[in-house]
Amino acid sequence: MHARKPHDIDSITDVALRVFAAKGYDAATMDDVAREAGITKASIYHHVSGKEALLERGLTRALDALFAILAEPRAEGGAEIGRLRYIVERVAETTLERLPELTVLFRVRGSSPVVQAALERRRAFDRCIIEIVVRGQANGSVCPQIDARLITRLIFGMSNSVVEWYGSGSSIGRDQLTASLLRIAFDGIAVR
C-alpha cells in the first residue's frame, strides 16, 4: 500500500484548476475539488478560504506566466516582428504547458473583484502586445493596413482557442501545434 502524499496549497490549486477547467468555474463545487483530490472539504479549507481563493491563485499563476514571457530577453529586444513571433510562440507553449491555468483564465467571466482584477491584467498584457505591433507597423515590419488591436485579437484569439479543443489525447503534438500556429499567423497558408 502506498502512502498518500499530503496535499499542500499548490497541489490543491492544481486539482482545483483541473476541475474548474473541466466543469467551468461557476459549475464546479468545493465538493468536486475535494473528491478529485481525495480529501475532505475541511482539508481544503485548512489551506484556503474558499473556491474564489483557489480561482485567484490559478488566475495569478496564469497571468504571472504570461507576463514572465514579456520579460524574456527575446521578447524585450530586437525587431518588433521577431519579438512578436517569439511572444506568440512562447504563449502557445505556455498555454500547452499550463493548460488548466490558461483554460480557466481564457474562459473566466464575472464581476467579482478577483475576476475583474484578472481581466484587467489580461488587458494590460494585450496592451503590451499592441504596443509592439504599433511599433512594428511604424518601422515597416508589421502590416500597417490592419489595426494593431485587431492583429493582436486575431492572433491571440487563434492561440487561446487551443484550450477549447486540445487535450492530452490529441494526435497533434505540442511542437507541431506551435509551429502550425506560427506559420498561419506569420506566413499565412497560401503556397508561394
Protein backbone atom coordinates (compact mmCIF):
# COMPACT_ATOMS: atom_id res chain seq x y z
CA MET A 1 0.00 0.00 0.00
CA HIS A 2 1.34 3.41 -0.99
CA ALA A 3 1.30 6.27 1.46
CA ARG A 4 -0.70 9.13 0.03
CA LYS A 5 1.27 12.30 -0.49
CA PRO A 6 -0.15 15.03 1.73
CA HIS A 7 -1.77 17.92 -0.08
CA ASP A 8 -0.39 21.41 0.16
CA ILE A 9 -1.85 24.62 -1.21
CA ASP A 10 -0.12 24.16 -4.56
CA SER A 11 -1.34 20.62 -5.13
CA ILE A 12 -4.87 21.60 -4.08
CA THR A 13 -4.71 24.52 -6.51
CA ASP A 14 -3.57 22.11 -9.26
CA VAL A 15 -6.58 19.88 -8.60
CA ALA A 16 -8.98 22.83 -8.41
CA LEU A 17 -7.75 24.19 -11.74
CA ARG A 18 -8.28 20.84 -13.44
CA VAL A 19 -11.81 20.72 -12.01
CA PHE A 20 -12.54 24.35 -12.98
CA ALA A 21 -11.21 23.73 -16.50
CA ALA A 22 -13.32 20.58 -16.92
CA LYS A 23 -16.58 21.75 -15.34
CA GLY A 24 -16.32 25.51 -15.59
CA TYR A 25 -15.63 27.64 -12.54
CA ASP A 26 -19.27 28.50 -11.83
CA ALA A 27 -20.45 24.89 -12.09
CA ALA A 28 -17.58 23.41 -10.05
CA THR A 29 -18.04 22.98 -6.32
CA MET A 30 -15.67 22.54 -3.44
CA ASP A 31 -17.12 19.02 -3.14
CA ASP A 32 -15.89 18.37 -6.70
CA VAL A 33 -12.41 19.63 -5.80
CA ALA A 34 -12.30 17.58 -2.59
CA ARG A 35 -13.49 14.45 -4.40
CA GLU A 36 -10.91 14.89 -7.18
CA ALA A 37 -8.15 15.48 -4.61
CA GLY A 38 -9.26 12.53 -2.49
CA ILE A 39 -9.54 14.68 0.63
CA THR A 40 -12.28 16.31 2.64
CA LYS A 41 -13.54 19.84 2.13
CA ALA A 42 -12.30 20.62 5.62
CA SER A 43 -8.79 19.75 4.46
CA ILE A 44 -9.11 22.27 1.65
CA TYR A 45 -10.44 24.96 3.97
CA HIS A 46 -7.36 24.40 6.12
CA HIS A 47 -5.39 25.94 3.23
CA VAL A 48 -7.78 28.44 1.60
CA SER A 49 -10.89 30.41 2.47
CA GLY A 50 -12.91 29.04 -0.42
CA LYS A 51 -13.38 28.45 -4.11
CA GLU A 52 -12.66 32.04 -5.11
CA ALA A 53 -9.29 31.90 -3.32
CA LEU A 54 -8.40 28.88 -5.44
CA LEU A 55 -9.54 30.74 -8.54
CA GLU A 56 -7.41 33.73 -7.60
CA ARG A 57 -4.34 31.52 -7.14
CA GLY A 58 -4.93 29.91 -10.53
CA LEU A 59 -5.51 33.19 -12.34
CA THR A 60 -2.40 34.66 -10.73
CA ARG A 61 -0.34 31.68 -11.88
CA ALA A 62 -1.63 32.03 -15.43
CA LEU A 63 -1.07 35.77 -15.63
CA ASP A 64 2.35 35.60 -13.98
CA ALA A 65 3.37 33.03 -16.60
CA LEU A 66 2.21 35.29 -19.44
CA PHE A 67 3.93 38.37 -18.05
CA ALA A 68 7.12 36.38 -17.46
CA ILE A 69 7.25 35.81 -21.23
CA LEU A 70 7.34 39.58 -21.80
CA ALA A 71 10.42 39.79 -19.55
CA GLU A 72 12.39 37.16 -21.50
CA PRO A 73 15.33 38.63 -23.47
CA ARG A 74 13.94 37.68 -26.91
CA ALA A 75 10.62 39.34 -26.03
CA GLU A 76 12.27 42.54 -24.84
CA GLY A 77 14.81 43.21 -27.55
CA GLY A 78 15.24 43.13 -31.28
CA ALA A 79 12.97 43.87 -34.20
CA GLU A 80 9.29 44.05 -33.32
CA ILE A 81 8.21 41.32 -35.75
CA GLY A 82 10.77 38.96 -34.21
CA ARG A 83 9.67 39.89 -30.71
CA LEU A 84 6.02 39.37 -31.64
CA ARG A 85 6.73 36.00 -33.22
CA TYR A 86 8.70 34.92 -30.16
CA ILE A 87 5.94 36.05 -27.77
CA VAL A 88 3.24 34.23 -29.76
CA GLU A 89 5.38 31.09 -29.75
CA ARG A 90 6.01 31.29 -26.01
CA VAL A 91 2.35 32.00 -25.24
CA ALA A 92 1.38 28.90 -27.25
CA GLU A 93 3.98 26.80 -25.45
CA THR A 94 2.93 28.18 -22.06
CA THR A 95 -0.73 27.53 -22.84
CA LEU A 96 0.06 23.88 -23.55
CA GLU A 97 2.34 23.56 -20.52
CA ARG A 98 -0.18 25.18 -18.19
CA LEU A 99 -3.39 24.11 -19.88
CA PRO A 100 -5.64 24.11 -16.78
CA GLU A 101 -4.49 27.57 -15.63
CA LEU A 102 -4.78 29.15 -19.05
CA THR A 103 -8.09 27.41 -19.76
CA VAL A 104 -9.56 28.95 -16.63
CA LEU A 105 -8.09 32.37 -17.47
CA PHE A 106 -9.35 32.36 -21.06
CA ARG A 107 -12.86 31.28 -20.02
CA VAL A 108 -13.39 33.25 -16.81
CA ARG A 109 -16.23 35.78 -16.74
CA GLY A 110 -17.91 37.64 -13.96
CA SER A 111 -17.89 40.73 -11.84
CA SER A 112 -16.16 39.60 -8.66
CA PRO A 113 -13.10 41.63 -7.67
CA VAL A 114 -10.87 38.60 -8.30
CA VAL A 115 -12.19 38.13 -11.83
CA GLN A 116 -12.14 41.85 -12.62
CA ALA A 117 -8.52 42.16 -11.44
CA ALA A 118 -7.53 39.19 -13.59
CA LEU A 119 -9.31 40.57 -16.63
CA GLU A 120 -7.60 43.93 -16.17
CA ARG A 121 -4.20 42.23 -16.00
CA ARG A 122 -5.07 40.30 -19.14
CA ARG A 123 -5.99 43.57 -20.88
CA ALA A 124 -2.66 45.03 -19.71
CA PHE A 125 -0.88 42.08 -21.35
CA ASP A 126 -2.81 42.74 -24.57
CA ARG A 127 -1.84 46.43 -24.42
CA CYS A 128 1.84 45.43 -24.24
CA ILE A 129 1.41 43.33 -27.38
CA ILE A 130 -0.50 46.10 -29.17
CA GLU A 131 2.38 48.49 -28.45
CA ILE A 132 4.83 46.07 -30.07
CA VAL A 133 2.55 45.75 -33.12
CA VAL A 134 2.21 49.54 -33.40
CA ARG A 135 5.99 49.97 -33.27
CA GLY A 136 6.35 47.23 -35.90
CA GLN A 137 3.85 49.00 -38.11
CA ALA A 138 5.76 52.28 -37.69
CA ASN A 139 9.04 50.70 -38.76
CA GLY A 140 7.50 48.70 -41.62
CA SER A 141 7.94 45.16 -40.26
CA VAL A 142 4.22 44.64 -39.50
CA CYS A 143 1.41 45.25 -41.98
CA PRO A 144 0.11 48.78 -41.34
CA GLN A 145 -3.23 48.23 -43.14
CA ILE A 146 -4.65 46.15 -40.28
CA ASP A 147 -5.49 47.76 -36.95
CA ALA A 148 -2.95 46.79 -34.27
CA ARG A 149 -5.70 45.82 -31.81
CA LEU A 150 -7.29 43.59 -34.45
CA ILE A 151 -3.97 41.89 -35.23
CA THR A 152 -3.47 41.21 -31.53
CA ARG A 153 -7.01 39.91 -31.01
CA LEU A 154 -6.95 37.66 -34.05
CA ILE A 155 -3.55 36.11 -33.35
CA PHE A 156 -4.22 35.53 -29.66
CA GLY A 157 -7.82 34.51 -30.31
CA MET A 158 -6.48 31.74 -32.52
CA SER A 159 -3.80 30.83 -29.99
CA ASN A 160 -6.12 30.98 -26.98
CA SER A 161 -8.74 28.78 -28.67
CA VAL A 162 -6.40 25.83 -28.18
CA VAL A 163 -7.83 25.46 -24.66
CA GLU A 164 -11.20 24.57 -26.18
CA TRP A 165 -10.09 21.56 -28.16
CA TYR A 166 -6.57 20.43 -27.31
CA GLY A 167 -6.18 17.64 -24.80
CA SER A 168 -3.70 15.05 -23.64
CA GLY A 169 -5.08 12.51 -26.12
CA SER A 170 -4.64 14.80 -29.10
CA SER A 171 -2.93 13.32 -32.16
CA ILE A 172 -1.26 16.69 -32.75
CA GLY A 173 2.00 17.12 -30.86
CA ARG A 174 2.80 20.30 -28.99
CA ASP A 175 5.70 21.23 -31.27
CA GLN A 176 3.59 20.66 -34.38
CA LEU A 177 0.75 22.75 -32.94
CA THR A 178 3.06 25.64 -32.03
CA ALA A 179 4.82 25.55 -35.42
CA SER A 180 1.48 25.48 -37.26
CA LEU A 181 0.16 28.42 -35.25
CA LEU A 182 3.28 30.46 -36.07
CA ARG A 183 3.08 29.51 -39.75
CA ILE A 184 -0.54 30.59 -40.03
CA ALA A 185 -0.10 33.79 -38.01
CA PHE A 186 3.11 35.00 -39.65
CA ASP A 187 3.33 33.34 -43.07
CA GLY A 188 -0.29 32.51 -43.97
CA ILE A 189 -1.47 29.28 -45.51
CA ALA A 190 -1.13 30.09 -49.21
CA VAL A 191 1.57 28.25 -51.13
CA ARG A 192 4.02 30.77 -52.56
